[in-house]
PDB file of N, CA and C in Angstrom:
ATOM      1  N   UNK A   1     -28.005  13.478 -31.475  1.00  0.00           N
ATOM      2  CA  UNK A   1     -28.338  12.798 -30.260  1.00  0.00           C
ATOM      3  C   UNK A   1     -27.687  11.424 -30.151  1.00  0.00           C
ATOM      4  N   UNK A   2     -27.589  10.763 -31.312  1.00  0.00           N
ATOM      5  CA  UNK A   2     -26.975   9.410 -31.322  1.00  0.00           C
ATOM      6  C   UNK A   2     -25.509   9.466 -30.938  1.00  0.00           C
ATOM      7  N   UNK A   3     -24.787  10.512 -31.400  1.00  0.00           N
ATOM      8  CA  UNK A   3     -23.356  10.651 -31.083  1.00  0.00           C
ATOM      9  C   UNK A   3     -23.121  10.857 -29.606  1.00  0.00           C
ATOM     10  N   UNK A   4     -24.029  11.637 -28.930  1.00  0.00           N
ATOM     11  CA  UNK A   4     -23.881  11.844 -27.504  1.00  0.00           C
ATOM     12  C   UNK A   4     -24.069  10.522 -26.747  1.00  0.00           C
ATOM     13  N   UNK A   5     -25.052   9.729 -27.205  1.00  0.00           N
ATOM     14  CA  UNK A   5     -25.313   8.440 -26.557  1.00  0.00           C
ATOM     15  C   UNK A   5     -24.061   7.523 -26.599  1.00  0.00           C
ATOM     16  N   UNK A   6     -23.420   7.508 -27.794  1.00  0.00           N
ATOM     17  CA  UNK A   6     -22.220   6.683 -27.952  1.00  0.00           C
ATOM     18  C   UNK A   6     -21.087   7.161 -27.070  1.00  0.00           C
ATOM     19  N   UNK A   7     -20.954   8.533 -26.953  1.00  0.00           N
ATOM     20  CA  UNK A   7     -19.840   9.039 -26.149  1.00  0.00           C
ATOM     21  C   UNK A   7     -20.075   8.765 -24.661  1.00  0.00           C
ATOM     22  N   UNK A   8     -21.361   8.763 -24.227  1.00  0.00           N
ATOM     23  CA  UNK A   8     -21.637   8.421 -22.863  1.00  0.00           C
ATOM     24  C   UNK A   8     -21.289   6.943 -22.615  1.00  0.00           C
ATOM     25  N   UNK A   9     -21.591   6.055 -23.550  1.00  0.00           N
ATOM     26  CA  UNK A   9     -21.243   4.639 -23.397  1.00  0.00           C
ATOM     27  C   UNK A   9     -19.736   4.461 -23.357  1.00  0.00           C
ATOM     28  N   UNK A  10     -19.030   5.152 -24.249  1.00  0.00           N
ATOM     29  CA  UNK A  10     -17.550   5.050 -24.259  1.00  0.00           C
ATOM     30  C   UNK A  10     -16.983   5.553 -22.977  1.00  0.00           C
ATOM     31  N   UNK A  11     -17.556   6.653 -22.465  1.00  0.00           N
ATOM     32  CA  UNK A  11     -17.084   7.200 -21.189  1.00  0.00           C
ATOM     33  C   UNK A  11     -17.334   6.247 -20.040  1.00  0.00           C
ATOM     34  N   UNK A  12     -18.496   5.579 -20.033  1.00  0.00           N
ATOM     35  CA  UNK A  12     -18.812   4.576 -19.003  1.00  0.00           C
ATOM     36  C   UNK A  12     -17.841   3.412 -19.080  1.00  0.00           C
ATOM     37  N   UNK A  13     -17.546   2.958 -20.279  1.00  0.00           N
ATOM     38  CA  UNK A  13     -16.615   1.846 -20.458  1.00  0.00           C
ATOM     39  C   UNK A  13     -15.209   2.256 -19.950  1.00  0.00           C
ATOM     40  N   UNK A  14     -14.754   3.454 -20.276  1.00  0.00           N
ATOM     41  CA  UNK A  14     -13.474   3.899 -19.793  1.00  0.00           C
ATOM     42  C   UNK A  14     -13.444   3.979 -18.278  1.00  0.00           C
ATOM     43  N   UNK A  15     -14.500   4.483 -17.689  1.00  0.00           N
ATOM     44  CA  UNK A  15     -14.554   4.568 -16.219  1.00  0.00           C
ATOM     45  C   UNK A  15     -14.551   3.181 -15.601  1.00  0.00           C
ATOM     46  N   UNK A  16     -15.272   2.240 -16.212  1.00  0.00           N
ATOM     47  CA  UNK A  16     -15.274   0.872 -15.723  1.00  0.00           C
ATOM     48  C   UNK A  16     -13.903   0.220 -15.805  1.00  0.00           C
ATOM     49  N   UNK A  17     -13.219   0.469 -16.947  1.00  0.00           N
ATOM     50  CA  UNK A  17     -11.887  -0.059 -17.138  1.00  0.00           C
ATOM     51  C   UNK A  17     -10.907   0.487 -16.130  1.00  0.00           C
ATOM     52  N   UNK A  18     -11.041   1.809 -15.857  1.00  0.00           N
ATOM     53  CA  UNK A  18     -10.164   2.451 -14.877  1.00  0.00           C
ATOM     54  C   UNK A  18     -10.445   1.931 -13.476  1.00  0.00           C
ATOM     55  N   UNK A  19     -11.761   1.727 -13.146  1.00  0.00           N
ATOM     56  CA  UNK A  19     -12.099   1.179 -11.844  1.00  0.00           C
ATOM     57  C   UNK A  19     -11.590  -0.242 -11.698  1.00  0.00           C
ATOM     58  N   UNK A  20     -11.655  -1.024 -12.752  1.00  0.00           N
ATOM     59  CA  UNK A  20     -11.137  -2.368 -12.739  1.00  0.00           C
ATOM     60  C   UNK A  20      -9.630  -2.383 -12.503  1.00  0.00           C
ATOM     61  N   UNK A  21      -8.940  -1.503 -13.228  1.00  0.00           N
ATOM     62  CA  UNK A  21      -7.496  -1.410 -13.062  1.00  0.00           C
ATOM     63  C   UNK A  21      -7.118  -0.989 -11.644  1.00  0.00           C
ATOM     64  N   UNK A  22      -7.850  -0.051 -11.067  1.00  0.00           N
ATOM     65  CA  UNK A  22      -7.577   0.354  -9.688  1.00  0.00           C
ATOM     66  C   UNK A  22      -7.832  -0.794  -8.729  1.00  0.00           C
ATOM     67  N   UNK A  23      -8.916  -1.511  -8.940  1.00  0.00           N
ATOM     68  CA  UNK A  23      -9.225  -2.657  -8.045  1.00  0.00           C
ATOM     69  C   UNK A  23      -8.139  -3.722  -8.140  1.00  0.00           C
ATOM     70  N   UNK A  24      -7.689  -4.005  -9.349  1.00  0.00           N
ATOM     71  CA  UNK A  24      -6.598  -4.987  -9.517  1.00  0.00           C
ATOM     72  C   UNK A  24      -5.342  -4.535  -8.807  1.00  0.00           C
ATOM     73  N   UNK A  25      -5.056  -3.223  -8.905  1.00  0.00           N
ATOM     74  CA  UNK A  25      -3.843  -2.727  -8.236  1.00  0.00           C
ATOM     75  C   UNK A  25      -3.966  -2.836  -6.715  1.00  0.00           C
ATOM     76  N   UNK A  26      -5.130  -2.564  -6.158  1.00  0.00           N
ATOM     77  CA  UNK A  26      -5.334  -2.678  -4.721  1.00  0.00           C
ATOM     78  C   UNK A  26      -5.232  -4.134  -4.283  1.00  0.00           C
ATOM     79  N   UNK A  27      -5.795  -5.041  -5.052  1.00  0.00           N
ATOM     80  CA  UNK A  27      -5.742  -6.489  -4.691  1.00  0.00           C
ATOM     81  C   UNK A  27      -4.292  -6.968  -4.751  1.00  0.00           C
ATOM     82  N   UNK A  28      -3.571  -6.468  -5.756  1.00  0.00           N
ATOM     83  CA  UNK A  28      -2.130  -6.876  -5.880  1.00  0.00           C
ATOM     84  C   UNK A  28      -1.301  -6.374  -4.649  1.00  0.00           C
ATOM     85  N   UNK A  29      -1.581  -5.127  -4.190  1.00  0.00           N
ATOM     86  CA  UNK A  29      -0.893  -4.606  -3.010  1.00  0.00           C
ATOM     87  C   UNK A  29      -1.264  -5.409  -1.767  1.00  0.00           C
ATOM     88  N   UNK A  30      -2.563  -5.768  -1.642  1.00  0.00           N
ATOM     89  CA  UNK A  30      -2.949  -6.578  -0.484  1.00  0.00           C
ATOM     90  C   UNK A  30      -2.308  -7.941  -0.539  1.00  0.00           C
ATOM     91  N   UNK A  31      -2.276  -8.555  -1.668  1.00  0.00           N
ATOM     92  CA  UNK A  31      -1.631  -9.856  -1.852  1.00  0.00           C
ATOM     93  C   UNK A  31      -0.176  -9.786  -1.470  1.00  0.00           C
ATOM     94  N   UNK A  32       0.526  -8.745  -1.966  1.00  0.00           N
ATOM     95  CA  UNK A  32       1.944  -8.605  -1.632  1.00  0.00           C
ATOM     96  C   UNK A  32       2.114  -8.411  -0.121  1.00  0.00           C
ATOM     97  N   UNK A  33       1.252  -7.663   0.516  1.00  0.00           N
ATOM     98  CA  UNK A  33       1.304  -7.448   1.997  1.00  0.00           C
ATOM     99  C   UNK A  33       1.148  -8.756   2.724  1.00  0.00           C
ATOM    100  N   UNK A  34       0.126  -9.553   2.345  1.00  0.00           N
ATOM    101  CA  UNK A  34      -0.123 -10.809   3.029  1.00  0.00           C
ATOM    102  C   UNK A  34       0.991 -11.802   2.784  1.00  0.00           C
ATOM    103  N   UNK A  35       1.562 -11.784   1.631  1.00  0.00           N
ATOM    104  CA  UNK A  35       2.710 -12.667   1.295  1.00  0.00           C
ATOM    105  C   UNK A  35       3.885 -12.249   2.184  1.00  0.00           C
ATOM    106  N   UNK A  36       4.139 -10.975   2.281  1.00  0.00           N
ATOM    107  CA  UNK A  36       5.252 -10.510   3.154  1.00  0.00           C
ATOM    108  C   UNK A  36       5.012 -10.830   4.629  1.00  0.00           C
ATOM    109  N   UNK A  37       3.759 -10.678   5.052  1.00  0.00           N
ATOM    110  CA  UNK A  37       3.410 -11.021   6.439  1.00  0.00           C
ATOM    111  C   UNK A  37       3.623 -12.496   6.735  1.00  0.00           C
ATOM    112  N   UNK A  38       3.235 -13.361   5.827  1.00  0.00           N
ATOM    113  CA  UNK A  38       3.442 -14.789   6.010  1.00  0.00           C
ATOM    114  C   UNK A  38       4.933 -15.152   6.011  1.00  0.00           C
ATOM    115  N   UNK A  39       5.681 -14.581   5.081  1.00  0.00           N
ATOM    116  CA  UNK A  39       7.088 -14.798   4.995  1.00  0.00           C
ATOM    117  C   UNK A  39       7.805 -14.308   6.244  1.00  0.00           C
ATOM    118  N   UNK A  40       7.432 -13.161   6.772  1.00  0.00           N
ATOM    119  CA  UNK A  40       8.044 -12.621   7.978  1.00  0.00           C
ATOM    120  C   UNK A  40       7.741 -13.527   9.160  1.00  0.00           C
ATOM    121  N   UNK A  41       6.499 -14.038   9.257  1.00  0.00           N
ATOM    122  CA  UNK A  41       6.121 -14.890  10.390  1.00  0.00           C
ATOM    123  C   UNK A  41       6.975 -16.184  10.393  1.00  0.00           C
ATOM    124  N   UNK A  42       7.157 -16.779   9.208  1.00  0.00           N
ATOM    125  CA  UNK A  42       7.954 -18.023   9.128  1.00  0.00           C
ATOM    126  C   UNK A  42       9.410 -17.731   9.443  1.00  0.00           C
ATOM    127  N   UNK A  43       9.931 -16.618   8.920  1.00  0.00           N
ATOM    128  CA  UNK A  43      11.334 -16.270   9.185  1.00  0.00           C
ATOM    129  C   UNK A  43      11.570 -16.007  10.637  1.00  0.00           C
ATOM    130  N   UNK A  44      10.674 -15.281  11.305  1.00  0.00           N
ATOM    131  CA  UNK A  44      10.818 -14.990  12.728  1.00  0.00           C
ATOM    132  C   UNK A  44      10.772 -16.294  13.533  1.00  0.00           C
ATOM    133  N   UNK A  45       9.874 -17.206  13.152  1.00  0.00           N
ATOM    134  CA  UNK A  45       9.773 -18.485  13.835  1.00  0.00           C
ATOM    135  C   UNK A  45      11.059 -19.282  13.736  1.00  0.00           C
ATOM    136  N   UNK A  46      11.654 -19.302  12.535  1.00  0.00           N
ATOM    137  CA  UNK A  46      12.929 -20.028  12.373  1.00  0.00           C
ATOM    138  C   UNK A  46      14.051 -19.384  13.135  1.00  0.00           C
ATOM    139  N   UNK A  47      14.153 -18.045  13.034  1.00  0.00           N
ATOM    140  CA  UNK A  47      15.232 -17.316  13.757  1.00  0.00           C
ATOM    141  C   UNK A  47      15.053 -17.462  15.263  1.00  0.00           C
ATOM    142  N   UNK A  48      13.809 -17.387  15.760  1.00  0.00           N
ATOM    143  CA  UNK A  48      13.592 -17.560  17.196  1.00  0.00           C
ATOM    144  C   UNK A  48      13.948 -18.974  17.646  1.00  0.00           C
ATOM    145  N   UNK A  49      13.671 -19.927  16.785  1.00  0.00           N
ATOM    146  CA  UNK A  49      14.003 -21.324  17.140  1.00  0.00           C
ATOM    147  C   UNK A  49      15.527 -21.488  17.224  1.00  0.00           C
ATOM    148  N   UNK A  50      16.263 -20.896  16.277  1.00  0.00           N
ATOM    149  CA  UNK A  50      17.719 -20.945  16.280  1.00  0.00           C
ATOM    150  C   UNK A  50      18.234 -20.225  17.525  1.00  0.00           C
ATOM    151  N   UNK A  51      17.642 -19.096  17.864  1.00  0.00           N
ATOM    152  CA  UNK A  51      18.058 -18.339  19.026  1.00  0.00           C
ATOM    153  C   UNK A  51      17.851 -19.142  20.293  1.00  0.00           C
ATOM    154  N   UNK A  52      16.734 -19.851  20.398  1.00  0.00           N
ATOM    155  CA  UNK A  52      16.486 -20.678  21.572  1.00  0.00           C
ATOM    156  C   UNK A  52      17.463 -21.860  21.620  1.00  0.00           C
ATOM    157  N   UNK A  53      17.707 -22.483  20.493  1.00  0.00           N
ATOM    158  CA  UNK A  53      18.590 -23.643  20.427  1.00  0.00           C
ATOM    159  C   UNK A  53      20.027 -23.256  20.798  1.00  0.00           C
ATOM    160  N   UNK A  54      20.454 -22.088  20.350  1.00  0.00           N
ATOM    161  CA  UNK A  54      21.844 -21.634  20.623  1.00  0.00           C
ATOM    162  C   UNK A  54      22.053 -21.252  22.048  1.00  0.00           C
ATOM    163  N   UNK A  55      21.170 -20.425  22.630  1.00  0.00           N
ATOM    164  CA  UNK A  55      21.418 -19.916  24.008  1.00  0.00           C
ATOM    165  C   UNK A  55      20.172 -19.890  24.909  1.00  0.00           C
ATOM    166  N   UNK A  56      19.142 -20.572  24.565  1.00  0.00           N
ATOM    167  CA  UNK A  56      17.959 -20.724  25.391  1.00  0.00           C
ATOM    168  C   UNK A  56      17.458 -19.385  25.949  1.00  0.00           C
ATOM    169  N   UNK A  57      17.312 -18.392  25.116  1.00  0.00           N
ATOM    170  CA  UNK A  57      16.780 -17.058  25.428  1.00  0.00           C
ATOM    171  C   UNK A  57      17.657 -16.252  26.378  1.00  0.00           C
ATOM    172  N   UNK A  58      18.868 -16.654  26.662  1.00  0.00           N
ATOM    173  CA  UNK A  58      19.705 -15.829  27.537  1.00  0.00           C
ATOM    174  C   UNK A  58      20.037 -14.484  26.861  1.00  0.00           C
ATOM    175  N   UNK A  59      20.107 -14.473  25.566  1.00  0.00           N
ATOM    176  CA  UNK A  59      20.278 -13.255  24.772  1.00  0.00           C
ATOM    177  C   UNK A  59      19.296 -13.301  23.604  1.00  0.00           C
ATOM    178  N   UNK A  60      18.125 -12.658  23.727  1.00  0.00           N
ATOM    179  CA  UNK A  60      17.087 -12.747  22.713  1.00  0.00           C
ATOM    180  C   UNK A  60      17.383 -11.863  21.475  1.00  0.00           C
ATOM    181  N   UNK A  61      18.445 -12.195  20.778  1.00  0.00           N
ATOM    182  CA  UNK A  61      18.817 -11.393  19.586  1.00  0.00           C
ATOM    183  C   UNK A  61      17.828 -11.478  18.445  1.00  0.00           C
ATOM    184  N   UNK A  62      16.962 -12.466  18.445  1.00  0.00           N
ATOM    185  CA  UNK A  62      15.986 -12.596  17.336  1.00  0.00           C
ATOM    186  C   UNK A  62      15.016 -11.437  17.351  1.00  0.00           C
ATOM    187  N   UNK A  63      14.914 -10.718  18.487  1.00  0.00           N
ATOM    188  CA  UNK A  63      13.994  -9.558  18.544  1.00  0.00           C
ATOM    189  C   UNK A  63      14.392  -8.474  17.591  1.00  0.00           C
ATOM    190  N   UNK A  64      15.694  -8.419  17.233  1.00  0.00           N
ATOM    191  CA  UNK A  64      16.145  -7.435  16.233  1.00  0.00           C
ATOM    192  C   UNK A  64      15.543  -7.739  14.871  1.00  0.00           C
ATOM    193  N   UNK A  65      15.416  -9.029  14.601  1.00  0.00           N
ATOM    194  CA  UNK A  65      14.751  -9.424  13.324  1.00  0.00           C
ATOM    195  C   UNK A  65      13.274  -9.055  13.346  1.00  0.00           C
ATOM    196  N   UNK A  66      12.659  -9.296  14.502  1.00  0.00           N
ATOM    197  CA  UNK A  66      11.231  -8.949  14.644  1.00  0.00           C
ATOM    198  C   UNK A  66      11.074  -7.406  14.484  1.00  0.00           C
ATOM    199  N   UNK A  67      11.957  -6.658  15.051  1.00  0.00           N
ATOM    200  CA  UNK A  67      11.902  -5.169  14.949  1.00  0.00           C
ATOM    201  C   UNK A  67      12.008  -4.745  13.475  1.00  0.00           C
ATOM    202  N   UNK A  68      12.972  -5.297  12.771  1.00  0.00           N
ATOM    203  CA  UNK A  68      13.155  -4.959  11.362  1.00  0.00           C
ATOM    204  C   UNK A  68      11.936  -5.306  10.496  1.00  0.00           C
ATOM    205  N   UNK A  69      11.402  -6.536  10.692  1.00  0.00           N
ATOM    206  CA  UNK A  69      10.222  -6.935   9.949  1.00  0.00           C
ATOM    207  C   UNK A  69       9.038  -6.048  10.320  1.00  0.00           C
ATOM    208  N   UNK A  70       8.926  -5.681  11.543  1.00  0.00           N
ATOM    209  CA  UNK A  70       7.771  -4.849  12.006  1.00  0.00           C
ATOM    210  C   UNK A  70       7.754  -3.500  11.277  1.00  0.00           C
ATOM    211  N   UNK A  71       8.917  -2.887  11.175  1.00  0.00           N
ATOM    212  CA  UNK A  71       9.002  -1.600  10.461  1.00  0.00           C
ATOM    213  C   UNK A  71       8.589  -1.789   8.994  1.00  0.00           C
ATOM    214  N   UNK A  72       9.150  -2.794   8.393  1.00  0.00           N
ATOM    215  CA  UNK A  72       8.867  -3.038   6.975  1.00  0.00           C
ATOM    216  C   UNK A  72       7.356  -3.333   6.760  1.00  0.00           C
ATOM    217  N   UNK A  73       6.818  -4.199   7.608  1.00  0.00           N
ATOM    218  CA  UNK A  73       5.386  -4.531   7.463  1.00  0.00           C
ATOM    219  C   UNK A  73       4.454  -3.369   7.742  1.00  0.00           C
ATOM    220  N   UNK A  74       4.886  -2.494   8.680  1.00  0.00           N
ATOM    221  CA  UNK A  74       4.087  -1.331   8.982  1.00  0.00           C
ATOM    222  C   UNK A  74       3.880  -0.456   7.715  1.00  0.00           C
ATOM    223  N   UNK A  75       4.972  -0.212   7.026  1.00  0.00           N
ATOM    224  CA  UNK A  75       4.898   0.663   5.834  1.00  0.00           C
ATOM    225  C   UNK A  75       4.149  -0.062   4.687  1.00  0.00           C
ATOM    226  N   UNK A  76       4.359  -1.383   4.589  1.00  0.00           N
ATOM    227  CA  UNK A  76       3.630  -2.124   3.560  1.00  0.00           C
ATOM    228  C   UNK A  76       2.143  -2.152   3.833  1.00  0.00           C
ATOM    229  N   UNK A  77       1.762  -2.204   5.111  1.00  0.00           N
ATOM    230  CA  UNK A  77       0.346  -2.177   5.494  1.00  0.00           C
ATOM    231  C   UNK A  77      -0.271  -0.828   5.165  1.00  0.00           C
ATOM    232  N   UNK A  78       0.472   0.237   5.434  1.00  0.00           N
ATOM    233  CA  UNK A  78      -0.013   1.581   5.097  1.00  0.00           C
ATOM    234  C   UNK A  78      -0.308   1.683   3.610  1.00  0.00           C
ATOM    235  N   UNK A  79       0.595   1.157   2.818  1.00  0.00           N
ATOM    236  CA  UNK A  79       0.415   1.190   1.370  1.00  0.00           C
ATOM    237  C   UNK A  79      -0.732   0.267   0.892  1.00  0.00           C
ATOM    238  N   UNK A  80      -0.798  -0.916   1.486  1.00  0.00           N
ATOM    239  CA  UNK A  80      -1.818  -1.879   1.073  1.00  0.00           C
ATOM    240  C   UNK A  80      -3.227  -1.415   1.405  1.00  0.00           C
ATOM    241  N   UNK A  81      -3.390  -0.727   2.523  1.00  0.00           N
ATOM    242  CA  UNK A  81      -4.706  -0.297   2.956  1.00  0.00           C
ATOM    243  C   UNK A  81      -4.965   1.193   2.618  1.00  0.00           C
ATOM    244  N   UNK A  82      -4.139   1.715   1.725  1.00  0.00           N
ATOM    245  CA  UNK A  82      -4.315   3.110   1.227  1.00  0.00           C
ATOM    246  C   UNK A  82      -4.421   4.132   2.344  1.00  0.00           C
ATOM    247  N   UNK A  83      -3.673   3.973   3.397  1.00  0.00           N
ATOM    248  CA  UNK A  83      -3.679   4.978   4.460  1.00  0.00           C
ATOM    249  C   UNK A  83      -2.540   5.958   4.182  1.00  0.00           C
ATOM    250  N   UNK A  84      -2.919   7.220   4.081  1.00  0.00           N
ATOM    251  CA  UNK A  84      -1.926   8.212   3.774  1.00  0.00           C
ATOM    252  C   UNK A  84      -2.313   9.523   4.444  1.00  0.00           C
ATOM    253  N   UNK A  85      -1.346  10.214   5.008  1.00  0.00           N
ATOM    254  CA  UNK A  85      -1.599  11.512   5.597  1.00  0.00           C
ATOM    255  C   UNK A  85      -1.960  12.471   4.478  1.00  0.00           C
ATOM    256  N   UNK A  86      -1.330  12.298   3.301  1.00  0.00           N
ATOM    257  CA  UNK A  86      -1.576  13.149   2.175  1.00  0.00           C
ATOM    258  C   UNK A  86      -2.534  12.454   1.203  1.00  0.00           C
ATOM    259  N   UNK A  87      -3.831  12.613   1.433  1.00  0.00           N
ATOM    260  CA  UNK A  87      -4.845  11.948   0.629  1.00  0.00           C
ATOM    261  C   UNK A  87      -4.994  12.651  -0.725  1.00  0.00           C
ATOM    262  N   UNK A  88      -5.825  12.032  -1.555  1.00  0.00           N
ATOM    263  CA  UNK A  88      -6.124  12.597  -2.899  1.00  0.00           C
ATOM    264  C   UNK A  88      -6.725  14.003  -2.752  1.00  0.00           C
ATOM    265  N   UNK A  89      -7.613  14.158  -1.786  1.00  0.00           N
ATOM    266  CA  UNK A  89      -8.220  15.511  -1.558  1.00  0.00           C
ATOM    267  C   UNK A  89      -7.175  16.552  -1.243  1.00  0.00           C
ATOM    268  N   UNK A  90      -6.213  16.147  -0.426  1.00  0.00           N
ATOM    269  CA  UNK A  90      -5.118  17.065  -0.057  1.00  0.00           C
ATOM    270  C   UNK A  90      -4.326  17.445  -1.318  1.00  0.00           C
ATOM    271  N   UNK A  91      -4.028  16.425  -2.134  1.00  0.00           N
ATOM    272  CA  UNK A  91      -3.247  16.674  -3.341  1.00  0.00           C
ATOM    273  C   UNK A  91      -3.987  17.615  -4.282  1.00  0.00           C
ATOM    274  N   UNK A  92      -5.295  17.370  -4.435  1.00  0.00           N
ATOM    275  CA  UNK A  92      -6.101  18.208  -5.324  1.00  0.00           C
ATOM    276  C   UNK A  92      -6.177  19.677  -4.823  1.00  0.00           C
ATOM    277  N   UNK A  93      -6.329  19.848  -3.503  1.00  0.00           N
ATOM    278  CA  UNK A  93      -6.373  21.176  -2.900  1.00  0.00           C
ATOM    279  C   UNK A  93      -5.037  21.903  -3.138  1.00  0.00           C
ATOM    280  N   UNK A  94      -3.934  21.191  -2.957  1.00  0.00           N
ATOM    281  CA  UNK A  94      -2.626  21.794  -3.129  1.00  0.00           C
ATOM    282  C   UNK A  94      -2.388  22.204  -4.608  1.00  0.00           C
ATOM    283  N   UNK A  95      -2.794  21.346  -5.508  1.00  0.00           N
ATOM    284  CA  UNK A  95      -2.648  21.616  -6.915  1.00  0.00           C
ATOM    285  C   UNK A  95      -3.449  22.885  -7.279  1.00  0.00           C
ATOM    286  N   UNK A  96      -4.697  22.919  -6.791  1.00  0.00           N
ATOM    287  CA  UNK A  96      -5.565  24.077  -7.047  1.00  0.00           C
ATOM    288  C   UNK A  96      -4.925  25.330  -6.461  1.00  0.00           C
ATOM    289  N   UNK A  97      -4.398  25.212  -5.247  1.00  0.00           N
ATOM    290  CA  UNK A  97      -3.762  26.359  -4.590  1.00  0.00           C
ATOM    291  C   UNK A  97      -2.581  26.881  -5.420  1.00  0.00           C
ATOM    292  N   UNK A  98      -1.740  25.988  -5.934  1.00  0.00           N
ATOM    293  CA  UNK A  98      -0.594  26.445  -6.738  1.00  0.00           C
ATOM    294  C   UNK A  98      -1.033  27.020  -8.064  1.00  0.00           C
ATOM    295  N   UNK A  99      -2.055  26.464  -8.661  1.00  0.00           N
ATOM    296  CA  UNK A  99      -2.572  27.023  -9.922  1.00  0.00           C
ATOM    297  C   UNK A  99      -3.145  28.410  -9.700  1.00  0.00           C
ATOM    298  N   UNK A 100      -3.945  28.538  -8.608  1.00  0.00           N
ATOM    299  CA  UNK A 100      -4.498  29.892  -8.295  1.00  0.00           C
ATOM    300  C   UNK A 100      -3.386  30.883  -8.009  1.00  0.00           C
ATOM    301  N   UNK A 101      -2.351  30.444  -7.358  1.00  0.00           N
ATOM    302  CA  UNK A 101      -1.199  31.316  -6.995  1.00  0.00           C
ATOM    303  C   UNK A 101      -0.515  31.807  -8.267  1.00  0.00           C
ATOM    304  N   UNK A 102      -0.359  30.890  -9.250  1.00  0.00           N
ATOM    305  CA  UNK A 102       0.319  31.217 -10.484  1.00  0.00           C
ATOM    306  C   UNK A 102      -0.545  32.201 -11.349  1.00  0.00           C
ATOM    307  N   UNK A 103      -1.850  32.079 -11.236  1.00  0.00           N
ATOM    308  CA  UNK A 103      -2.752  32.964 -12.011  1.00  0.00           C
ATOM    309  C   UNK A 103      -2.582  34.398 -11.572  1.00  0.00           C
ATOM    310  N   UNK A 104      -2.407  34.607 -10.279  1.00  0.00           N
ATOM    311  CA  UNK A 104      -2.343  35.960  -9.736  1.00  0.00           C
ATOM    312  C   UNK A 104      -0.953  36.568  -9.822  1.00  0.00           C
ATOM    313  N   UNK A 105       0.048  35.770 -10.213  1.00  0.00           N
ATOM    314  CA  UNK A 105       1.416  36.301 -10.380  1.00  0.00           C
ATOM    315  C   UNK A 105       1.711  36.778 -11.742  1.00  0.00           C
TER     316      UNK A 105
END
């Protein structure tokens, strides 16, 4: 009985460590996203200022920079907020499907 109690404690500790590692990973991704967002905002502001100074919006070429940053930030936001078309449940179902398929072959 004593051995089972220790293994449950060890299992709880491992789960807590894994949860902590997952939380740290999520926080790091969010931090990277917010850092990229801030950097993009300052860069766009500077490029837009240069664009205005050079030709006073007659040719708003700075919008290409905005477009590029928007695409990049979109994908970083998807990653930071764990949005995925292929969720963990989907992955697990597919793995089970392939394992079951292999069993019957």
